[in-house]
């Protein structure tokens, strides 16, 4: 068992301005997305051109922050929001929903796609490989904040938190939903793929990884297990992603085969 180092969530402060690790992790995620987008935009068949990358990342950033925060407040922090209407703006206190952020990014990609004349699936296919690094850094931010711990365990890599050995489920997610998912999508997207294929791959593999890790996470506070004594709210929200991802992949390659036959 490892001892949790009890990080100070604030890196440093200047007067009333505090720079937090959680916020820095989001910044690193956006910087990584910008760097990767700049690289992929140089490909001749890319739907995003190098001069459009800055605007793309700006739209995505707004989508992540607004969607992620609203999603958390609606699904997980509704009571806190009712008690304090300004709670939705207190991002530095933590509380971001992946599913809300996903809806926010999809909306942002749709809006920016309309602006530059691209379809929704073209935009989400381009954005899919850029996303996992940010997911991984966000989970590292959760670990530093000492939140979203897993269940009690006896595995040797558990962390001692207030005298209890817990699964570091945040780090499990950082590895699977961050590093592993990135490698899968980045390698898969190195060649031109049918429209919707990358979006489908992202939803499918993220859904599988998240569904699996939920077995090691503690159910959301106040929610408990929602079905059969073992199904969590996270799994209920994630299961449709697996189905939709598989359907998108099937449709992408079916449509591609149809187009090849017609050609």
C-alpha atoms as a PDB file:
ATOM      1  CA  UNK A   1       0.000   0.000   0.000  1.00  0.00           C
ATOM      2  CA  UNK A   2       1.238   3.469  -0.926  1.00  0.00           C
ATOM      3  CA  UNK A   3       0.757   6.601   1.141  1.00  0.00           C
ATOM      4  CA  UNK A   4      -1.230   9.322  -0.571  1.00  0.00           C
ATOM      5  CA  UNK A   5       0.992  12.441  -0.508  1.00  0.00           C
ATOM      6  CA  UNK A   6      -1.822  14.931   0.293  1.00  0.00           C
ATOM      7  CA  UNK A   7      -1.135  17.503  -2.431  1.00  0.00           C
ATOM      8  CA  UNK A   8      -1.876  21.154  -1.898  1.00  0.00           C
ATOM      9  CA  UNK A   9      -4.496  21.839  -4.633  1.00  0.00           C
ATOM     10  CA  UNK A  10      -3.038  25.356  -5.063  1.00  0.00           C
ATOM     11  CA  UNK A  11       0.313  25.565  -6.860  1.00  0.00           C
ATOM     12  CA  UNK A  12       0.858  29.204  -5.906  1.00  0.00           C
ATOM     13  CA  UNK A  13      -1.169  32.335  -5.409  1.00  0.00           C
ATOM     14  CA  UNK A  14      -0.679  36.014  -6.149  1.00  0.00           C
ATOM     15  CA  UNK A  15      -3.022  38.042  -4.003  1.00  0.00           C
ATOM     16  CA  UNK A  16      -6.564  36.779  -4.627  1.00  0.00           C
ATOM     17  CA  UNK A  17      -5.449  34.876  -7.752  1.00  0.00           C
ATOM     18  CA  UNK A  18      -4.764  31.197  -7.060  1.00  0.00           C
ATOM     19  CA  UNK A  19      -3.265  28.851  -9.647  1.00  0.00           C
ATOM     20  CA  UNK A  20      -4.579  25.334  -9.017  1.00  0.00           C
ATOM     21  CA  UNK A  21      -3.343  21.966 -10.199  1.00  0.00           C
ATOM     22  CA  UNK A  22      -6.831  21.063 -11.438  1.00  0.00           C
ATOM     23  CA  UNK A  23      -6.930  24.089 -13.728  1.00  0.00           C
ATOM     24  CA  UNK A  24      -3.364  23.455 -14.917  1.00  0.00           C
ATOM     25  CA  UNK A  25      -4.350  19.934 -15.983  1.00  0.00           C
ATOM     26  CA  UNK A  26      -7.069  21.380 -18.207  1.00  0.00           C
ATOM     27  CA  UNK A  27      -4.597  23.845 -19.704  1.00  0.00           C
ATOM     28  CA  UNK A  28      -2.182  21.002 -20.469  1.00  0.00           C
ATOM     29  CA  UNK A  29      -5.012  19.080 -22.117  1.00  0.00           C
ATOM     30  CA  UNK A  30      -5.882  22.002 -24.383  1.00  0.00           C
ATOM     31  CA  UNK A  31      -2.216  22.600 -25.256  1.00  0.00           C
ATOM     32  CA  UNK A  32      -1.861  18.932 -26.183  1.00  0.00           C
ATOM     33  CA  UNK A  33      -5.035  19.123 -28.311  1.00  0.00           C
ATOM     34  CA  UNK A  34      -3.735  22.226 -30.104  1.00  0.00           C
ATOM     35  CA  UNK A  35      -0.379  20.561 -30.801  1.00  0.00           C
ATOM     36  CA  UNK A  36      -1.968  17.374 -32.120  1.00  0.00           C
ATOM     37  CA  UNK A  37      -4.512  19.310 -34.193  1.00  0.00           C
ATOM     38  CA  UNK A  38      -1.728  21.384 -35.765  1.00  0.00           C
ATOM     39  CA  UNK A  39       0.035  18.165 -36.757  1.00  0.00           C
ATOM     40  CA  UNK A  40      -3.021  16.469 -38.234  1.00  0.00           C
ATOM     41  CA  UNK A  41      -4.214  19.612 -40.033  1.00  0.00           C
ATOM     42  CA  UNK A  42      -1.134  19.385 -42.266  1.00  0.00           C
ATOM     43  CA  UNK A  43      -2.400  16.189 -43.883  1.00  0.00           C
ATOM     44  CA  UNK A  44      -3.672  16.803 -47.401  1.00  0.00           C
ATOM     45  CA  UNK A  45      -7.048  15.162 -46.699  1.00  0.00           C
ATOM     46  CA  UNK A  46      -7.670  16.926 -43.392  1.00  0.00           C
ATOM     47  CA  UNK A  47     -11.039  18.708 -43.120  1.00  0.00           C
ATOM     48  CA  UNK A  48      -9.377  21.273 -40.833  1.00  0.00           C
ATOM     49  CA  UNK A  49      -6.651  23.481 -42.268  1.00  0.00           C
ATOM     50  CA  UNK A  50      -3.711  24.793 -40.228  1.00  0.00           C
ATOM     51  CA  UNK A  51      -5.151  28.323 -40.116  1.00  0.00           C
ATOM     52  CA  UNK A  52      -8.385  26.966 -38.569  1.00  0.00           C
ATOM     53  CA  UNK A  53      -6.803  25.110 -35.653  1.00  0.00           C
ATOM     54  CA  UNK A  54      -6.821  28.058 -33.226  1.00  0.00           C
ATOM     55  CA  UNK A  55     -10.547  28.667 -33.709  1.00  0.00           C
ATOM     56  CA  UNK A  56     -11.291  24.936 -33.470  1.00  0.00           C
ATOM     57  CA  UNK A  57      -9.551  24.645 -30.097  1.00  0.00           C
ATOM     58  CA  UNK A  58     -11.258  27.815 -28.840  1.00  0.00           C
ATOM     59  CA  UNK A  59     -14.698  26.420 -29.703  1.00  0.00           C
ATOM     60  CA  UNK A  60     -13.794  23.067 -28.134  1.00  0.00           C
ATOM     61  CA  UNK A  61     -12.523  24.774 -24.975  1.00  0.00           C
ATOM     62  CA  UNK A  62     -15.793  26.664 -24.536  1.00  0.00           C
ATOM     63  CA  UNK A  63     -17.752  23.469 -25.179  1.00  0.00           C
ATOM     64  CA  UNK A  64     -15.775  21.466 -22.613  1.00  0.00           C
ATOM     65  CA  UNK A  65     -15.996  24.075 -19.870  1.00  0.00           C
ATOM     66  CA  UNK A  66     -19.636  25.093 -20.340  1.00  0.00           C
ATOM     67  CA  UNK A  67     -20.930  21.597 -21.103  1.00  0.00           C
ATOM     68  CA  UNK A  68     -18.830  19.888 -18.439  1.00  0.00           C
ATOM     69  CA  UNK A  69     -19.827  22.300 -15.703  1.00  0.00           C
ATOM     70  CA  UNK A  70     -23.516  22.434 -16.586  1.00  0.00           C
ATOM     71  CA  UNK A  71     -23.599  18.655 -16.911  1.00  0.00           C
ATOM     72  CA  UNK A  72     -22.101  18.237 -13.456  1.00  0.00           C
ATOM     73  CA  UNK A  73     -24.450  20.753 -11.851  1.00  0.00           C
ATOM     74  CA  UNK A  74     -27.532  19.205 -13.463  1.00  0.00           C
ATOM     75  CA  UNK A  75     -26.692  15.525 -12.868  1.00  0.00           C
ATOM     76  CA  UNK A  76     -24.517  15.523  -9.753  1.00  0.00           C
ATOM     77  CA  UNK A  77     -24.630  18.934  -8.062  1.00  0.00           C
ATOM     78  CA  UNK A  78     -28.270  19.930  -8.462  1.00  0.00           C
ATOM     79  CA  UNK A  79     -28.814  20.437  -4.732  1.00  0.00           C
ATOM     80  CA  UNK A  80     -25.689  22.590  -4.396  1.00  0.00           C
ATOM     81  CA  UNK A  81     -26.811  24.669  -7.376  1.00  0.00           C
ATOM     82  CA  UNK A  82     -30.225  25.235  -5.792  1.00  0.00           C
ATOM     83  CA  UNK A  83     -28.586  26.349  -2.552  1.00  0.00           C
ATOM     84  CA  UNK A  84     -26.092  28.622  -4.324  1.00  0.00           C
ATOM     85  CA  UNK A  85     -27.055  29.894  -7.827  1.00  0.00           C
ATOM     86  CA  UNK A  86     -23.439  31.017  -8.341  1.00  0.00           C
ATOM     87  CA  UNK A  87     -22.132  27.490  -7.738  1.00  0.00           C
ATOM     88  CA  UNK A  88     -22.099  26.818 -11.482  1.00  0.00           C
ATOM     89  CA  UNK A  89     -19.355  29.455 -11.880  1.00  0.00           C
ATOM     90  CA  UNK A  90     -17.119  28.033  -9.118  1.00  0.00           C
ATOM     91  CA  UNK A  91     -15.106  25.826 -11.458  1.00  0.00           C
ATOM     92  CA  UNK A  92     -11.984  26.040  -9.279  1.00  0.00           C
ATOM     93  CA  UNK A  93     -13.789  23.961  -6.648  1.00  0.00           C
ATOM     94  CA  UNK A  94     -13.909  21.010  -9.065  1.00  0.00           C
ATOM     95  CA  UNK A  95     -16.930  19.264 -10.485  1.00  0.00           C
ATOM     96  CA  UNK A  96     -16.919  18.580 -14.227  1.00  0.00           C
ATOM     97  CA  UNK A  97     -18.998  15.943 -15.994  1.00  0.00           C
ATOM     98  CA  UNK A  98     -17.495  14.039 -18.913  1.00  0.00           C
ATOM     99  CA  UNK A  99     -20.892  13.375 -20.448  1.00  0.00           C
ATOM    100  CA  UNK A 100     -21.808  17.065 -20.178  1.00  0.00           C
ATOM    101  CA  UNK A 101     -18.451  18.023 -21.667  1.00  0.00           C
ATOM    102  CA  UNK A 102     -19.015  15.589 -24.532  1.00  0.00           C
ATOM    103  CA  UNK A 103     -22.359  17.205 -25.355  1.00  0.00           C
ATOM    104  CA  UNK A 104     -20.681  20.608 -25.113  1.00  0.00           C
ATOM    105  CA  UNK A 105     -17.892  19.647 -27.507  1.00  0.00           C
ATOM    106  CA  UNK A 106     -20.303  18.061 -30.000  1.00  0.00           C
ATOM    107  CA  UNK A 107     -22.363  21.261 -29.949  1.00  0.00           C
ATOM    108  CA  UNK A 108     -19.235  23.379 -30.392  1.00  0.00           C
ATOM    109  CA  UNK A 109     -18.021  21.230 -33.297  1.00  0.00           C
ATOM    110  CA  UNK A 110     -21.427  21.483 -34.963  1.00  0.00           C
ATOM    111  CA  UNK A 111     -21.421  25.278 -34.647  1.00  0.00           C
ATOM    112  CA  UNK A 112     -17.862  25.670 -35.919  1.00  0.00           C
ATOM    113  CA  UNK A 113     -18.477  23.143 -38.683  1.00  0.00           C
ATOM    114  CA  UNK A 114     -21.430  25.204 -39.903  1.00  0.00           C
ATOM    115  CA  UNK A 115     -19.211  28.267 -39.930  1.00  0.00           C
ATOM    116  CA  UNK A 116     -16.553  26.683 -42.155  1.00  0.00           C
ATOM    117  CA  UNK A 117     -18.863  24.464 -44.222  1.00  0.00           C
ATOM    118  CA  UNK A 118     -18.103  21.060 -42.676  1.00  0.00           C
ATOM    119  CA  UNK A 119     -20.570  18.441 -41.462  1.00  0.00           C
ATOM    120  CA  UNK A 120     -20.854  17.358 -37.832  1.00  0.00           C
ATOM    121  CA  UNK A 121     -19.253  13.943 -38.356  1.00  0.00           C
ATOM    122  CA  UNK A 122     -16.315  15.450 -40.212  1.00  0.00           C
ATOM    123  CA  UNK A 123     -15.687  17.716 -37.239  1.00  0.00           C
ATOM    124  CA  UNK A 124     -16.081  15.058 -34.545  1.00  0.00           C
ATOM    125  CA  UNK A 125     -13.878  12.649 -36.500  1.00  0.00           C
ATOM    126  CA  UNK A 126     -11.111  15.255 -36.500  1.00  0.00           C
ATOM    127  CA  UNK A 127     -11.608  16.088 -32.814  1.00  0.00           C
ATOM    128  CA  UNK A 128     -11.798  12.498 -31.521  1.00  0.00           C
ATOM    129  CA  UNK A 129      -8.020  11.748 -31.417  1.00  0.00           C
ATOM    130  CA  UNK A 130      -7.341  15.130 -29.785  1.00  0.00           C
ATOM    131  CA  UNK A 131      -9.541  14.462 -26.767  1.00  0.00           C
ATOM    132  CA  UNK A 132      -8.024  11.568 -24.743  1.00  0.00           C
ATOM    133  CA  UNK A 133      -4.917  13.415 -23.528  1.00  0.00           C
ATOM    134  CA  UNK A 134      -7.179  16.036 -21.944  1.00  0.00           C
ATOM    135  CA  UNK A 135      -9.270  13.289 -20.370  1.00  0.00           C
ATOM    136  CA  UNK A 136      -6.101  11.813 -18.899  1.00  0.00           C
ATOM    137  CA  UNK A 137      -4.778  15.086 -17.491  1.00  0.00           C
ATOM    138  CA  UNK A 138      -8.213  15.819 -16.039  1.00  0.00           C
ATOM    139  CA  UNK A 139      -8.143  12.520 -14.121  1.00  0.00           C
ATOM    140  CA  UNK A 140      -4.660  13.324 -12.848  1.00  0.00           C
ATOM    141  CA  UNK A 141      -6.181  16.568 -11.592  1.00  0.00           C
ATOM    142  CA  UNK A 142      -8.805  14.509  -9.732  1.00  0.00           C
ATOM    143  CA  UNK A 143      -6.004  12.462  -8.153  1.00  0.00           C
ATOM    144  CA  UNK A 144      -4.149  15.585  -7.026  1.00  0.00           C
ATOM    145  CA  UNK A 145      -7.383  16.974  -5.594  1.00  0.00           C
ATOM    146  CA  UNK A 146      -7.896  13.726  -3.684  1.00  0.00           C
ATOM    147  CA  UNK A 147     -11.341  13.070  -5.182  1.00  0.00           C
ATOM    148  CA  UNK A 148     -13.133  10.244  -7.006  1.00  0.00           C
ATOM    149  CA  UNK A 149     -11.323   7.491  -5.125  1.00  0.00           C
ATOM    150  CA  UNK A 150     -12.113   3.872  -5.835  1.00  0.00           C
ATOM    151  CA  UNK A 151     -13.297   1.134  -3.521  1.00  0.00           C
ATOM    152  CA  UNK A 152     -11.419  -0.418  -0.628  1.00  0.00           C
ATOM    153  CA  UNK A 153      -8.887  -3.009  -1.773  1.00  0.00           C
ATOM    154  CA  UNK A 154      -5.839  -5.033  -0.796  1.00  0.00           C
ATOM    155  CA  UNK A 155      -3.881  -4.645  -4.067  1.00  0.00           C
ATOM    156  CA  UNK A 156      -0.267  -3.535  -3.504  1.00  0.00           C
ATOM    157  CA  UNK A 157      -0.700  -0.363  -5.582  1.00  0.00           C
ATOM    158  CA  UNK A 158      -3.581   0.903  -3.443  1.00  0.00           C
ATOM    159  CA  UNK A 159      -3.275   4.270  -1.674  1.00  0.00           C
ATOM    160  CA  UNK A 160      -3.637   4.869   2.028  1.00  0.00           C
ATOM    161  CA  UNK A 161      -6.322   7.537   2.362  1.00  0.00           C
ATOM    162  CA  UNK A 162      -7.223   8.350   5.971  1.00  0.00           C
ATOM    163  CA  UNK A 163      -6.140   4.897   7.047  1.00  0.00           C
ATOM    164  CA  UNK A 164      -8.098   3.052   4.333  1.00  0.00           C
ATOM    165  CA  UNK A 165      -6.539   1.320   1.299  1.00  0.00           C
ATOM    166  CA  UNK A 166      -8.348   2.505  -1.839  1.00  0.00           C
ATOM    167  CA  UNK A 167      -8.135   1.821  -5.567  1.00  0.00           C
ATOM    168  CA  UNK A 168      -6.607   4.851  -7.382  1.00  0.00           C
ATOM    169  CA  UNK A 169      -9.452   4.746  -9.905  1.00  0.00           C
ATOM    170  CA  UNK A 170      -8.550   8.232 -11.139  1.00  0.00           C
ATOM    171  CA  UNK A 171      -5.197   6.867 -12.335  1.00  0.00           C
ATOM    172  CA  UNK A 172      -6.874   3.832 -13.905  1.00  0.00           C
ATOM    173  CA  UNK A 173      -8.966   6.264 -15.941  1.00  0.00           C
ATOM    174  CA  UNK A 174      -5.953   8.438 -16.772  1.00  0.00           C
ATOM    175  CA  UNK A 175      -4.219   5.389 -18.258  1.00  0.00           C
ATOM    176  CA  UNK A 176      -7.146   3.747 -20.082  1.00  0.00           C
ATOM    177  CA  UNK A 177      -9.280   6.755 -21.084  1.00  0.00           C
ATOM    178  CA  UNK A 178      -6.222   8.941 -21.559  1.00  0.00           C
ATOM    179  CA  UNK A 179      -3.077   7.189 -22.763  1.00  0.00           C
ATOM    180  CA  UNK A 180      -4.478   3.928 -24.172  1.00  0.00           C
ATOM    181  CA  UNK A 181      -7.468   5.561 -25.878  1.00  0.00           C
ATOM    182  CA  UNK A 182      -5.173   8.199 -27.378  1.00  0.00           C
ATOM    183  CA  UNK A 183      -2.825   5.583 -28.830  1.00  0.00           C
ATOM    184  CA  UNK A 184      -5.726   3.630 -30.343  1.00  0.00           C
ATOM    185  CA  UNK A 185      -7.279   6.694 -31.986  1.00  0.00           C
ATOM    186  CA  UNK A 186      -4.023   8.356 -33.036  1.00  0.00           C
ATOM    187  CA  UNK A 187      -2.729   5.232 -34.760  1.00  0.00           C
ATOM    188  CA  UNK A 188      -6.138   4.485 -36.307  1.00  0.00           C
ATOM    189  CA  UNK A 189      -6.423   8.061 -37.629  1.00  0.00           C
ATOM    190  CA  UNK A 190      -2.969   8.030 -39.242  1.00  0.00           C
ATOM    191  CA  UNK A 191      -4.737   6.984 -42.457  1.00  0.00           C
ATOM    192  CA  UNK A 192      -7.860   8.397 -43.982  1.00  0.00           C
ATOM    193  CA  UNK A 193     -10.915   6.628 -42.586  1.00  0.00           C
ATOM    194  CA  UNK A 194     -14.609   6.591 -43.576  1.00  0.00           C
ATOM    195  CA  UNK A 195     -16.704   9.407 -42.144  1.00  0.00           C
ATOM    196  CA  UNK A 196     -18.050   8.538 -38.658  1.00  0.00           C
ATOM    197  CA  UNK A 197     -15.430   5.805 -38.081  1.00  0.00           C
ATOM    198  CA  UNK A 198     -13.259   7.831 -35.697  1.00  0.00           C
ATOM    199  CA  UNK A 199     -16.262   9.169 -33.820  1.00  0.00           C
ATOM    200  CA  UNK A 200     -17.511   5.603 -33.457  1.00  0.00           C
ATOM    201  CA  UNK A 201     -14.122   4.355 -32.261  1.00  0.00           C
ATOM    202  CA  UNK A 202     -13.954   7.073 -29.625  1.00  0.00           C
ATOM    203  CA  UNK A 203     -17.430   6.383 -28.239  1.00  0.00           C
ATOM    204  CA  UNK A 204     -16.979   2.612 -28.327  1.00  0.00           C
ATOM    205  CA  UNK A 205     -13.610   2.393 -26.591  1.00  0.00           C
ATOM    206  CA  UNK A 206     -14.245   5.206 -24.123  1.00  0.00           C
ATOM    207  CA  UNK A 207     -17.529   3.540 -23.211  1.00  0.00           C
ATOM    208  CA  UNK A 208     -15.904   0.133 -22.706  1.00  0.00           C
ATOM    209  CA  UNK A 209     -13.061   1.565 -20.604  1.00  0.00           C
ATOM    210  CA  UNK A 210     -15.343   3.722 -18.463  1.00  0.00           C
ATOM    211  CA  UNK A 211     -17.863   0.904 -17.950  1.00  0.00           C
ATOM    212  CA  UNK A 212     -15.047  -1.403 -16.798  1.00  0.00           C
ATOM    213  CA  UNK A 213     -13.448   1.128 -14.418  1.00  0.00           C
ATOM    214  CA  UNK A 214     -16.817   1.829 -12.779  1.00  0.00           C
ATOM    215  CA  UNK A 215     -16.474  -1.586 -11.100  1.00  0.00           C
ATOM    216  CA  UNK A 216     -13.572  -0.127  -9.117  1.00  0.00           C
ATOM    217  CA  UNK A 217     -15.075   3.302  -8.420  1.00  0.00           C
ATOM    218  CA  UNK A 218     -17.303   4.219  -5.512  1.00  0.00           C
ATOM    219  CA  UNK A 219     -20.847   5.009  -6.725  1.00  0.00           C
ATOM    220  CA  UNK A 220     -21.696   8.699  -6.965  1.00  0.00           C
ATOM    221  CA  UNK A 221     -22.496  10.272  -3.614  1.00  0.00           C
ATOM    222  CA  UNK A 222     -26.192   9.978  -2.840  1.00  0.00           C
ATOM    223  CA  UNK A 223     -26.821   7.765  -5.881  1.00  0.00           C
ATOM    224  CA  UNK A 224     -25.552   4.346  -4.844  1.00  0.00           C
ATOM    225  CA  UNK A 225     -26.110   1.419  -7.189  1.00  0.00           C
ATOM    226  CA  UNK A 226     -28.955   2.113  -9.585  1.00  0.00           C
ATOM    227  CA  UNK A 227     -29.761  -1.410 -10.861  1.00  0.00           C
ATOM    228  CA  UNK A 228     -29.244  -5.032  -9.782  1.00  0.00           C
ATOM    229  CA  UNK A 229     -27.107  -4.004  -6.824  1.00  0.00           C
ATOM    230  CA  UNK A 230     -24.020  -3.348  -8.973  1.00  0.00           C
ATOM    231  CA  UNK A 231     -24.866  -0.977 -11.865  1.00  0.00           C
ATOM    232  CA  UNK A 232     -23.746   2.618 -11.239  1.00  0.00           C
ATOM    233  CA  UNK A 233     -25.086   5.828 -12.734  1.00  0.00           C
ATOM    234  CA  UNK A 234     -21.807   6.160 -14.646  1.00  0.00           C
ATOM    235  CA  UNK A 235     -22.426   2.817 -16.327  1.00  0.00           C
ATOM    236  CA  UNK A 236     -26.010   3.752 -17.181  1.00  0.00           C
ATOM    237  CA  UNK A 237     -24.776   6.967 -18.823  1.00  0.00           C
ATOM    238  CA  UNK A 238     -21.911   5.186 -20.557  1.00  0.00           C
ATOM    239  CA  UNK A 239     -23.653   2.069 -21.924  1.00  0.00           C
ATOM    240  CA  UNK A 240     -25.442   4.005 -24.725  1.00  0.00           C
ATOM    241  CA  UNK A 241     -22.044   5.313 -25.869  1.00  0.00           C
ATOM    242  CA  UNK A 242     -20.871   1.744 -26.484  1.00  0.00           C
ATOM    243  CA  UNK A 243     -23.963   0.963 -28.567  1.00  0.00           C
ATOM    244  CA  UNK A 244     -23.845   4.249 -30.507  1.00  0.00           C
ATOM    245  CA  UNK A 245     -20.114   3.846 -31.144  1.00  0.00           C
ATOM    246  CA  UNK A 246     -20.597   0.342 -32.545  1.00  0.00           C
ATOM    247  CA  UNK A 247     -23.485   1.535 -34.750  1.00  0.00           C
ATOM    248  CA  UNK A 248     -21.431   4.452 -36.085  1.00  0.00           C
ATOM    249  CA  UNK A 249     -18.538   2.147 -36.942  1.00  0.00           C
ATOM    250  CA  UNK A 250     -20.860  -0.271 -38.738  1.00  0.00           C
ATOM    251  CA  UNK A 251     -22.540   2.556 -40.675  1.00  0.00           C
ATOM    252  CA  UNK A 252     -19.206   4.172 -41.554  1.00  0.00           C
ATOM    253  CA  UNK A 253     -17.800   1.045 -43.200  1.00  0.00           C
ATOM    254  CA  UNK A 254     -21.110   0.002 -44.730  1.00  0.00           C
ATOM    255  CA  UNK A 255     -21.470   3.425 -46.355  1.00  0.00           C
ATOM    256  CA  UNK A 256     -17.831   3.263 -47.465  1.00  0.00           C
ATOM    257  CA  UNK A 257     -18.350  -0.125 -49.123  1.00  0.00           C
ATOM    258  CA  UNK A 258     -21.509   1.156 -50.806  1.00  0.00           C
ATOM    259  CA  UNK A 259     -19.625   4.179 -52.152  1.00  0.00           C
ATOM    260  CA  UNK A 260     -16.840   1.956 -53.490  1.00  0.00           C
ATOM    261  CA  UNK A 261     -19.353  -0.275 -55.297  1.00  0.00           C
ATOM    262  CA  UNK A 262     -21.065   2.748 -56.841  1.00  0.00           C
ATOM    263  CA  UNK A 263     -17.701   4.212 -57.885  1.00  0.00           C
END
